PDB file of N, CA and C in Angstrom:
ATOM      1  N   MET A   1     264.055  24.345 -65.030  1.00  0.00           N
ATOM      2  CA  MET A   1     265.525  24.388 -65.203  1.00  0.00           C
ATOM      3  C   MET A   1     265.599  24.150 -66.520  1.00  0.00           C
ATOM      4  N   HIS A   2     266.712  24.993 -67.236  1.00  0.00           N
ATOM      5  CA  HIS A   2     267.016  24.943 -68.488  1.00  0.00           C
ATOM      6  C   HIS A   2     267.810  23.466 -68.739  1.00  0.00           C
ATOM      7  N   PRO A   3     268.134  23.280 -69.890  1.00  0.00           N
ATOM      8  CA  PRO A   3     269.169  22.015 -70.238  1.00  0.00           C
ATOM      9  C   PRO A   3     270.544  22.389 -70.001  1.00  0.00           C
ATOM     10  N   SER A   4     270.904  23.648 -70.137  1.00  0.00           N
ATOM     11  CA  SER A   4     272.237  24.208 -69.995  1.00  0.00           C
ATOM     12  C   SER A   4     272.676  23.975 -68.204  1.00  0.00           C
ATOM     13  N   GLU A   5     271.838  24.279 -67.507  1.00  0.00           N
ATOM     14  CA  GLU A   5     271.848  24.165 -66.076  1.00  0.00           C
ATOM     15  C   GLU A   5     272.151  22.709 -65.575  1.00  0.00           C
ATOM     16  N   GLN A   6     271.410  21.864 -66.111  1.00  0.00           N
ATOM     17  CA  GLN A   6     271.328  20.383 -65.936  1.00  0.00           C
ATOM     18  C   GLN A   6     272.816  19.792 -66.472  1.00  0.00           C
ATOM     19  N   ALA A   7     273.335  20.422 -67.538  1.00  0.00           N
ATOM     20  CA  ALA A   7     274.697  19.971 -68.196  1.00  0.00           C
ATOM     21  C   ALA A   7     275.851  20.458 -67.104  1.00  0.00           C
ATOM     22  N   GLU A   8     275.545  21.422 -66.326  1.00  0.00           N
ATOM     23  CA  GLU A   8     276.732  21.978 -65.399  1.00  0.00           C
ATOM     24  C   GLU A   8     276.674  21.205 -64.232  1.00  0.00           C
ATOM     25  N   LEU A   9     275.389  20.921 -63.794  1.00  0.00           N
ATOM     26  CA  LEU A   9     275.103  20.028 -62.503  1.00  0.00           C
ATOM     27  C   LEU A   9     275.763  18.796 -62.905  1.00  0.00           C
ATOM     28  N   PHE A  10     275.570  18.132 -64.111  1.00  0.00           N
ATOM     29  CA  PHE A  10     276.220  16.927 -64.431  1.00  0.00           C
ATOM     30  C   PHE A  10     277.572  16.708 -64.177  1.00  0.00           C
ATOM     31  N   GLY A  11     278.001  18.025 -65.061  1.00  0.00           N
ATOM     32  CA  GLY A  11     279.636  17.937 -64.911  1.00  0.00           C
ATOM     33  C   GLY A  11     280.127  18.251 -63.440  1.00  0.00           C
ATOM     34  N   LEU A  12     279.419  18.827 -62.498  1.00  0.00           N
ATOM     35  CA  LEU A  12     279.706  18.806 -60.978  1.00  0.00           C
ATOM     36  C   LEU A  12     279.900  17.588 -60.365  1.00  0.00           C
ATOM     37  N   ILE A  13     279.071  16.882 -60.786  1.00  0.00           N
ATOM     38  CA  ILE A  13     278.671  15.365 -59.935  1.00  0.00           C
ATOM     39  C   ILE A  13     279.568  14.548 -60.664  1.00  0.00           C
ATOM     40  N   PHE A  14     279.470  14.313 -62.011  1.00  0.00           N
ATOM     41  CA  PHE A  14     280.254  13.444 -62.496  1.00  0.00           C
ATOM     42  C   PHE A  14     281.656  13.786 -62.805  1.00  0.00           C
ATOM     43  N   ARG A  15     282.681  13.344 -62.001  1.00  0.00           N
ATOM     44  CA  ARG A  15     284.030  13.551 -62.450  1.00  0.00           C
ATOM     45  C   ARG A  15     284.843  12.176 -61.951  1.00  0.00           C
ATOM     46  N   PRO A  16     285.181  11.731 -63.343  1.00  0.00           N
ATOM     47  CA  PRO A  16     285.833  10.463 -63.215  1.00  0.00           C
ATOM     48  C   PRO A  16     287.527  10.884 -62.571  1.00  0.00           C
ATOM     49  N   SER A  17     287.723  10.067 -61.499  1.00  0.00           N
ATOM     50  CA  SER A  17     288.882  10.093 -60.749  1.00  0.00           C
ATOM     51  C   SER A  17     289.641   8.927 -61.420  1.00  0.00           C
ATOM     52  N   HIS A  18     290.972   9.393 -61.953  1.00  0.00           N
ATOM     53  CA  HIS A  18     291.792   8.319 -62.465  1.00  0.00           C
ATOM     54  C   HIS A  18     293.199   8.606 -61.834  1.00  0.00           C
ATOM     55  N   HIS A  19     293.418   7.380 -61.019  1.00  0.00           N
ATOM     56  CA  HIS A  19     294.691   7.532 -60.322  1.00  0.00           C
ATOM     57  C   HIS A  19     295.266   6.098 -60.830  1.00  0.00           C
ATOM     58  N   PRO A  20     296.344   6.351 -61.525  1.00  0.00           N
ATOM     59  CA  PRO A  20     297.112   5.139 -62.382  1.00  0.00           C
ATOM     60  C   PRO A  20     297.796   4.186 -61.341  1.00  0.00           C
ATOM     61  N   PHE A  21     298.274   4.841 -60.279  1.00  0.00           N
ATOM     62  CA  PHE A  21     299.055   4.018 -59.415  1.00  0.00           C
ATOM     63  C   PHE A  21     298.316   3.517 -57.899  1.00  0.00           C
ATOM     64  N   ARG A  22     296.946   3.622 -58.211  1.00  0.00           N
ATOM     65  CA  ARG A  22     296.013   3.127 -56.974  1.00  0.00           C
ATOM     66  C   ARG A  22     295.648   1.879 -57.228  1.00  0.00           C
ATOM     67  N   LEU A  23     295.379   1.144 -56.114  1.00  0.00           N
ATOM     68  CA  LEU A  23     294.911  -0.205 -56.298  1.00  0.00           C
ATOM     69  C   LEU A  23     293.499  -0.346 -56.723  1.00  0.00           C
ATOM     70  N   ARG A  24     293.156  -1.230 -57.635  1.00  0.00           N
ATOM     71  CA  ARG A  24     291.752  -1.297 -58.197  1.00  0.00           C
ATOM     72  C   ARG A  24     291.449  -2.742 -58.106  1.00  0.00           C
ATOM     73  N   THR A  25     289.968  -2.859 -58.141  1.00  0.00           N
ATOM     74  CA  THR A  25     289.451  -4.422 -58.059  1.00  0.00           C
ATOM     75  C   THR A  25     289.922  -5.175 -58.892  1.00  0.00           C
ATOM     76  N   ASN A  26     290.145  -6.549 -58.706  1.00  0.00           N
ATOM     77  CA  ASN A  26     290.646  -7.540 -59.391  1.00  0.00           C
ATOM     78  C   ASN A  26     292.214  -7.610 -59.631  1.00  0.00           C
ATOM     79  N   ASP A  27     293.039  -6.427 -58.910  1.00  0.00           N
ATOM     80  CA  ASP A  27     294.359  -6.503 -59.170  1.00  0.00           C
ATOM     81  C   ASP A  27     295.047  -7.666 -58.209  1.00  0.00           C
ATOM     82  N   VAL A  28     295.862  -8.192 -58.790  1.00  0.00           N
ATOM     83  CA  VAL A  28     296.828  -9.288 -57.899  1.00  0.00           C
ATOM     84  C   VAL A  28     298.124  -8.608 -57.486  1.00  0.00           C
ATOM     85  N   ILE A  29     298.227  -8.444 -56.261  1.00  0.00           N
ATOM     86  CA  ILE A  29     299.393  -8.019 -55.672  1.00  0.00           C
ATOM     87  C   ILE A  29     300.047  -9.106 -54.724  1.00  0.00           C
ATOM     88  N   ARG A  30     301.311  -8.918 -54.352  1.00  0.00           N
ATOM     89  CA  ARG A  30     302.366  -9.766 -53.519  1.00  0.00           C
ATOM     90  C   ARG A  30     302.310  -9.260 -52.137  1.00  0.00           C
ATOM     91  N   VAL A  31     301.946  -9.842 -50.999  1.00  0.00           N
ATOM     92  CA  VAL A  31     302.022  -9.455 -49.583  1.00  0.00           C
ATOM     93  C   VAL A  31     302.884 -10.695 -48.790  1.00  0.00           C
ATOM     94  N   ASP A  32     303.845 -10.300 -48.338  1.00  0.00           N
ATOM     95  CA  ASP A  32     304.832 -11.277 -47.709  1.00  0.00           C
ATOM     96  C   ASP A  32     305.045 -12.448 -48.561  1.00  0.00           C
ATOM     97  N   GLY A  33     305.098 -12.455 -49.616  1.00  0.00           N
ATOM     98  CA  GLY A  33     305.548 -13.414 -50.537  1.00  0.00           C
ATOM     99  C   GLY A  33     304.418 -14.521 -51.121  1.00  0.00           C
ATOM    100  N   LYS A  34     303.358 -14.022 -50.896  1.00  0.00           N
ATOM    101  CA  LYS A  34     302.010 -14.629 -51.111  1.00  0.00           C
ATOM    102  C   LYS A  34     301.217 -13.697 -52.141  1.00  0.00           C
ATOM    103  N   LEU A  35     300.682 -14.252 -53.221  1.00  0.00           N
ATOM    104  CA  LEU A  35     299.640 -13.776 -54.164  1.00  0.00           C
ATOM    105  C   LEU A  35     298.226 -13.338 -53.539  1.00  0.00           C
ATOM    106  N   CYS A  36     297.817 -12.326 -53.653  1.00  0.00           N
ATOM    107  CA  CYS A  36     296.540 -11.992 -53.199  1.00  0.00           C
ATOM    108  C   CYS A  36     295.866 -10.979 -54.092  1.00  0.00           C
ATOM    109  N   ARG A  37     294.461 -11.005 -54.092  1.00  0.00           N
ATOM    110  CA  ARG A  37     293.532 -10.419 -55.054  1.00  0.00           C
ATOM    111  C   ARG A  37     292.751  -9.223 -54.050  1.00  0.00           C
ATOM    112  N   VAL A  38     292.728  -8.123 -55.067  1.00  0.00           N
ATOM    113  CA  VAL A  38     291.813  -7.014 -54.502  1.00  0.00           C
ATOM    114  C   VAL A  38     290.603  -7.253 -54.541  1.00  0.00           C
ATOM    115  N   ILE A  39     289.622  -7.338 -53.686  1.00  0.00           N
ATOM    116  CA  ILE A  39     288.204  -7.568 -53.585  1.00  0.00           C
ATOM    117  C   ILE A  39     287.477  -6.386 -53.710  1.00  0.00           C
ATOM    118  N   ARG A  40     287.802  -5.359 -52.946  1.00  0.00           N
ATOM    119  CA  ARG A  40     286.827  -4.320 -52.892  1.00  0.00           C
ATOM    120  C   ARG A  40     287.746  -3.025 -52.839  1.00  0.00           C
ATOM    121  N   VAL A  41     287.574  -1.938 -53.169  1.00  0.00           N
ATOM    122  CA  VAL A  41     288.156  -0.613 -52.989  1.00  0.00           C
ATOM    123  C   VAL A  41     287.243   0.344 -52.532  1.00  0.00           C
ATOM    124  N   SER A  42     287.503   1.265 -51.539  1.00  0.00           N
ATOM    125  CA  SER A  42     286.866   2.389 -51.211  1.00  0.00           C
ATOM    126  C   SER A  42     288.185   3.513 -51.065  1.00  0.00           C
ATOM    127  N   GLU A  43     287.381   4.526 -50.357  1.00  0.00           N
ATOM    128  CA  GLU A  43     288.401   5.867 -50.404  1.00  0.00           C
ATOM    129  C   GLU A  43     289.548   5.608 -49.323  1.00  0.00           C
ATOM    130  N   CYS A  44     289.028   4.888 -48.321  1.00  0.00           N
ATOM    131  CA  CYS A  44     289.799   4.694 -47.168  1.00  0.00           C
ATOM    132  C   CYS A  44     290.551   3.383 -47.064  1.00  0.00           C
ATOM    133  N   ALA A  45     290.002   2.307 -47.469  1.00  0.00           N
ATOM    134  CA  ALA A  45     290.532   1.033 -47.531  1.00  0.00           C
ATOM    135  C   ALA A  45     290.229   0.086 -48.504  1.00  0.00           C
ATOM    136  N   VAL A  46     291.070  -0.840 -48.679  1.00  0.00           N
ATOM    137  CA  VAL A  46     291.149  -1.952 -49.781  1.00  0.00           C
ATOM    138  C   VAL A  46     291.087  -3.307 -49.131  1.00  0.00           C
ATOM    139  N   VAL A  47     290.108  -4.185 -49.592  1.00  0.00           N
ATOM    140  CA  VAL A  47     289.743  -5.493 -49.015  1.00  0.00           C
ATOM    141  C   VAL A  47     290.610  -6.376 -49.677  1.00  0.00           C
ATOM    142  N   VAL A  48     291.516  -7.123 -49.080  1.00  0.00           N
ATOM    143  CA  VAL A  48     292.273  -8.073 -49.863  1.00  0.00           C
ATOM    144  C   VAL A  48     292.133  -9.503 -49.410  1.00  0.00           C
ATOM    145  N   ARG A  49     292.123 -10.557 -50.437  1.00  0.00           N
ATOM    146  CA  ARG A  49     291.708 -11.765 -49.929  1.00  0.00           C
ATOM    147  C   ARG A  49     292.968 -12.559 -50.212  1.00  0.00           C
ATOM    148  N   MET A  50     293.488 -13.442 -49.359  1.00  0.00           N
ATOM    149  CA  MET A  50     294.803 -14.347 -49.509  1.00  0.00           C
ATOM    150  C   MET A  50     294.516 -15.783 -49.326  1.00  0.00           C
ATOM    151  N   ASN A  51     294.605 -16.615 -50.205  1.00  0.00           N
ATOM    152  CA  ASN A  51     294.519 -17.991 -49.824  1.00  0.00           C
ATOM    153  C   ASN A  51     295.350 -18.569 -48.837  1.00  0.00           C
ATOM    154  N   GLN A  52     294.867 -19.427 -48.069  1.00  0.00           N
ATOM    155  CA  GLN A  52     295.787 -20.156 -46.888  1.00  0.00           C
ATOM    156  C   GLN A  52     296.223 -21.335 -47.417  1.00  0.00           C
ATOM    157  N   ARG A  53     297.206 -21.862 -46.893  1.00  0.00           N
ATOM    158  CA  ARG A  53     297.835 -23.101 -47.171  1.00  0.00           C
ATOM    159  C   ARG A  53     297.100 -24.263 -46.752  1.00  0.00           C
ATOM    160  N   ALA A  54     297.019 -25.480 -47.475  1.00  0.00           N
ATOM    161  CA  ALA A  54     296.173 -26.686 -46.876  1.00  0.00           C
ATOM    162  C   ALA A  54     297.108 -27.004 -45.937  1.00  0.00           C
ATOM    163  N   ARG A  55     296.421 -27.729 -44.904  1.00  0.00           N
ATOM    164  CA  ARG A  55     296.935 -28.600 -43.726  1.00  0.00           C
ATOM    165  C   ARG A  55     296.824 -29.955 -43.965  1.00  0.00           C
ATOM    166  N   LYS A  56     298.025 -30.676 -43.875  1.00  0.00           N
ATOM    167  CA  LYS A  56     298.017 -31.984 -44.104  1.00  0.00           C
ATOM    168  C   LYS A  56     298.422 -32.880 -43.110  1.00  0.00           C
ATOM    169  N   PHE A  57     297.796 -33.819 -42.634  1.00  0.00           N
ATOM    170  CA  PHE A  57     298.319 -34.741 -41.375  1.00  0.00           C
ATOM    171  C   PHE A  57     297.857 -36.036 -41.300  1.00  0.00           C
ATOM    172  N   SER A  58     298.336 -37.106 -40.591  1.00  0.00           N
ATOM    173  CA  SER A  58     297.909 -38.357 -40.475  1.00  0.00           C
ATOM    174  C   SER A  58     297.047 -38.472 -39.037  1.00  0.00           C
ATOM    175  N   THR A  59     296.027 -39.177 -39.187  1.00  0.00           N
ATOM    176  CA  THR A  59     295.311 -39.513 -38.089  1.00  0.00           C
ATOM    177  C   THR A  59     296.035 -40.734 -37.236  1.00  0.00           C
ATOM    178  N   ARG A  60     295.386 -41.118 -36.271  1.00  0.00           N
ATOM    179  CA  ARG A  60     296.009 -41.916 -35.176  1.00  0.00           C
ATOM    180  C   ARG A  60     295.998 -43.429 -35.774  1.00  0.00           C
ATOM    181  N   PHE A  61     295.040 -43.764 -36.912  1.00  0.00           N
ATOM    182  CA  PHE A  61     294.908 -44.794 -37.662  1.00  0.00           C
ATOM    183  C   PHE A  61     295.618 -44.904 -39.053  1.00  0.00           C
ATOM    184  N   ASP A  62     296.648 -43.935 -39.248  1.00  0.00           N
ATOM    185  CA  ASP A  62     297.363 -43.685 -40.494  1.00  0.00           C
ATOM    186  C   ASP A  62     296.501 -43.141 -41.676  1.00  0.00           C
ATOM    187  N   LYS A  63     295.453 -42.666 -41.324  1.00  0.00           N
ATOM    188  CA  LYS A  63     294.624 -42.005 -42.550  1.00  0.00           C
ATOM    189  C   LYS A  63     295.195 -40.588 -42.909  1.00  0.00           C
ATOM    190  N   ARG A  64     295.445 -40.297 -44.064  1.00  0.00           N
ATOM    191  CA  ARG A  64     295.749 -38.936 -44.600  1.00  0.00           C
ATOM    192  C   ARG A  64     294.625 -38.100 -44.616  1.00  0.00           C
ATOM    193  N   VAL A  65     294.805 -36.907 -43.962  1.00  0.00           N
ATOM    194  CA  VAL A  65     293.684 -36.004 -43.812  1.00  0.00           C
ATOM    195  C   VAL A  65     294.087 -34.639 -44.471  1.00  0.00           C
ATOM    196  N   ARG A  66     293.503 -33.863 -45.077  1.00  0.00           N
ATOM    197  CA  ARG A  66     293.651 -32.654 -45.650  1.00  0.00           C
ATOM    198  C   ARG A  66     292.700 -31.482 -45.349  1.00  0.00           C
ATOM    199  N   PHE A  67     292.915 -30.390 -44.649  1.00  0.00           N
ATOM    200  CA  PHE A  67     292.036 -29.338 -44.584  1.00  0.00           C
ATOM    201  C   PHE A  67     292.460 -28.198 -45.276  1.00  0.00           C
ATOM    202  N   GLN A  68     291.508 -27.631 -45.681  1.00  0.00           N
ATOM    203  CA  GLN A  68     291.679 -26.482 -46.745  1.00  0.00           C
ATOM    204  C   GLN A  68     291.043 -25.262 -45.742  1.00  0.00           C
ATOM    205  N   SER A  69     291.748 -24.413 -45.450  1.00  0.00           N
ATOM    206  CA  SER A  69     291.343 -23.024 -44.589  1.00  0.00           C
ATOM    207  C   SER A  69     290.638 -22.010 -45.424  1.00  0.00           C
ATOM    208  N   PRO A  70     289.694 -21.543 -44.871  1.00  0.00           N
ATOM    209  CA  PRO A  70     289.287 -20.268 -45.842  1.00  0.00           C
ATOM    210  C   PRO A  70     290.041 -19.170 -45.987  1.00  0.00           C
ATOM    211  N   PRO A  71     289.631 -18.355 -47.186  1.00  0.00           N
ATOM    212  CA  PRO A  71     290.862 -17.549 -47.391  1.00  0.00           C
ATOM    213  C   PRO A  71     290.738 -16.322 -46.283  1.00  0.00           C
ATOM    214  N   LYS A  72     291.938 -15.914 -45.965  1.00  0.00           N
ATOM    215  CA  LYS A  72     292.250 -14.780 -45.019  1.00  0.00           C
ATOM    216  C   LYS A  72     291.795 -13.518 -45.840  1.00  0.00           C
ATOM    217  N   GLU A  73     290.994 -12.539 -45.157  1.00  0.00           N
ATOM    218  CA  GLU A  73     290.802 -11.126 -45.561  1.00  0.00           C
ATOM    219  C   GLU A  73     291.133 -10.135 -44.664  1.00  0.00           C
ATOM    220  N   PHE A  74     291.942  -9.258 -45.136  1.00  0.00           N
ATOM    221  CA  PHE A  74     292.299  -7.966 -44.676  1.00  0.00           C
ATOM    222  C   PHE A  74     292.321  -6.717 -45.300  1.00  0.00           C
ATOM    223  N   ARG A  75     292.344  -5.620 -44.583  1.00  0.00           N
ATOM    224  CA  ARG A  75     292.291  -4.436 -45.222  1.00  0.00           C
ATOM    225  C   ARG A  75     293.818  -3.678 -45.141  1.00  0.00           C
ATOM    226  N   ILE A  76     293.982  -2.739 -46.379  1.00  0.00           N
ATOM    227  CA  ILE A  76     295.212  -2.103 -46.578  1.00  0.00           C
ATOM    228  C   ILE A  76     294.697  -0.661 -47.025  1.00  0.00           C
ATOM    229  N   SER A  77     295.728   0.175 -47.218  1.00  0.00           N
ATOM    230  CA  SER A  77     295.391   1.593 -47.678  1.00  0.00           C
ATOM    231  C   SER A  77     295.323   1.438 -49.154  1.00  0.00           C
ATOM    232  N   PRO A  78     294.508   2.184 -49.729  1.00  0.00           N
ATOM    233  CA  PRO A  78     294.234   1.941 -51.372  1.00  0.00           C
ATOM    234  C   PRO A  78     295.677   2.724 -51.975  1.00  0.00           C
ATOM    235  N   ASN A  79     296.113   3.398 -51.113  1.00  0.00           N
ATOM    236  CA  ASN A  79     297.518   4.216 -51.854  1.00  0.00           C
ATOM    237  C   ASN A  79     298.817   3.479 -51.335  1.00  0.00           C
ATOM    238  N   SER A  80     298.741   2.422 -50.992  1.00  0.00           N
ATOM    239  CA  SER A  80     299.917   1.575 -50.167  1.00  0.00           C
ATOM    240  C   SER A  80     300.736   0.916 -51.428  1.00  0.00           C
ATOM    241  N   GLU A  81     302.095   0.962 -51.056  1.00  0.00           N
ATOM    242  CA  GLU A  81     303.166   0.834 -52.219  1.00  0.00           C
ATOM    243  C   GLU A  81     303.260  -0.827 -52.214  1.00  0.00           C
ATOM    244  N   SER A  82     302.404  -1.359 -53.291  1.00  0.00           N
ATOM    245  CA  SER A  82     302.812  -2.711 -53.226  1.00  0.00           C
ATOM    246  C   SER A  82     302.657  -3.247 -54.838  1.00  0.00           C
ATOM    247  N   GLU A  83     303.170  -4.070 -55.154  1.00  0.00           N
ATOM    248  CA  GLU A  83     303.542  -4.283 -56.652  1.00  0.00           C
ATOM    249  C   GLU A  83     302.231  -5.037 -57.137  1.00  0.00           C
ATOM    250  N   ILE A  84     301.793  -4.546 -58.292  1.00  0.00           N
ATOM    251  CA  ILE A  84     300.644  -4.839 -58.783  1.00  0.00           C
ATOM    252  C   ILE A  84     301.118  -5.716 -60.100  1.00  0.00           C
ATOM    253  N   LEU A  85     301.007  -7.181 -59.940  1.00  0.00           N
ATOM    254  CA  LEU A  85     301.142  -8.076 -60.877  1.00  0.00           C
ATOM    255  C   LEU A  85     300.549  -8.119 -62.261  1.00  0.00           C
ATOM    256  N   ASN A  86     299.336  -7.854 -62.097  1.00  0.00           N
ATOM    257  CA  ASN A  86     298.576  -8.314 -63.382  1.00  0.00           C
ATOM    258  C   ASN A  86     298.120  -7.023 -64.270  1.00  0.00           C
ATOM    259  N   ARG A  87     298.554  -5.847 -63.754  1.00  0.00           N
ATOM    260  CA  ARG A  87     298.117  -4.727 -64.637  1.00  0.00           C
ATOM    261  C   ARG A  87     299.340  -4.407 -65.613  1.00  0.00           C
ATOM    262  N   LYS A  88     298.957  -4.329 -66.829  1.00  0.00           N
ATOM    263  CA  LYS A  88     299.774  -3.965 -67.953  1.00  0.00           C
ATOM    264  C   LYS A  88     299.984  -2.521 -68.294  1.00  0.00           C
ATOM    265  N   ALA A  89     301.055  -2.390 -68.539  1.00  0.00           N
ATOM    266  CA  ALA A  89     301.450  -0.636 -68.776  1.00  0.00           C
ATOM    267  C   ALA A  89     301.025  -0.197 -70.011  1.00  0.00           C
ATOM    268  N   PRO A  90     300.458   0.937 -69.973  1.00  0.00           N
ATOM    269  CA  PRO A  90     299.879   1.556 -71.229  1.00  0.00           C
ATOM    270  C   PRO A  90     300.855   1.451 -72.478  1.00  0.00           C
ATOM    271  N   LYS A  91     300.469   1.232 -73.676  1.00  0.00           N
ATOM    272  CA  LYS A  91     301.295   1.062 -74.902  1.00  0.00           C
ATOM    273  C   LYS A  91     301.832   2.282 -75.102  1.00  0.00           C
ATOM    274  N   GLN A  92     303.108   2.164 -75.578  1.00  0.00           N
ATOM    275  CA  GLN A  92     303.812   3.606 -76.029  1.00  0.00           C
ATOM    276  C   GLN A  92     303.473   3.701 -77.560  1.00  0.00           C
ATOM    277  N   THR A  93     303.029   5.069 -77.827  1.00  0.00           N
ATOM    278  CA  THR A  93     302.770   5.404 -79.273  1.00  0.00           C
ATOM    279  C   THR A  93     304.024   5.896 -79.839  1.00  0.00           C
ATOM    280  N   LYS A  94     304.143   5.277 -81.107  1.00  0.00           N
ATOM    281  CA  LYS A  94     305.453   5.868 -81.871  1.00  0.00           C
ATOM    282  C   LYS A  94     305.166   7.096 -82.370  1.00  0.00           C
ATOM    283  N   THR A  95     305.881   8.029 -82.421  1.00  0.00           N
ATOM    284  CA  THR A  95     305.895   9.372 -82.957  1.00  0.00           C
ATOM    285  C   THR A  95     306.675   9.561 -84.496  1.00  0.00           C
ATOM    286  N   LYS A  96     305.887  10.016 -85.457  1.00  0.00           N
ATOM    287  CA  LYS A  96     306.624  10.199 -86.572  1.00  0.00           C
ATOM    288  C   LYS A  96     307.685  11.016 -86.773  1.00  0.00           C
ATOM    289  N   GLN A  97     308.853  10.219 -87.196  1.00  0.00           N
ATOM    290  CA  GLN A  97     309.827  10.987 -87.516  1.00  0.00           C
ATOM    291  C   GLN A  97     310.175  11.886 -88.757  1.00  0.00           C
ATOM    292  N   ARG A  98     310.706  12.719 -88.736  1.00  0.00           N
ATOM    293  CA  ARG A  98     310.893  13.549 -90.087  1.00  0.00           C
ATOM    294  C   ARG A  98     312.095  13.712 -90.480  1.00  0.00           C
TER     295      ARG A  98
END
């Protein structure tokens, strides 16, 4: 195998896919008014983690108790229309005026 054949093979295998409006790992989105973080992204699904509210109540002996539930994880489409809150828009470059 010659080096030129290897370069062609590399070009076929390594194709970076850039989807600017697709969800990515560590994106913060809003679902039902709550903030959620994207944990994992694949071609067919996105795993999202949402923190649950702490439950507070009093026992029979008037002692205050607080339970923190574990975060809820669910899956959505990677192309779903959701507002990405932490991603910055690309900077606009100024063009030279004549």
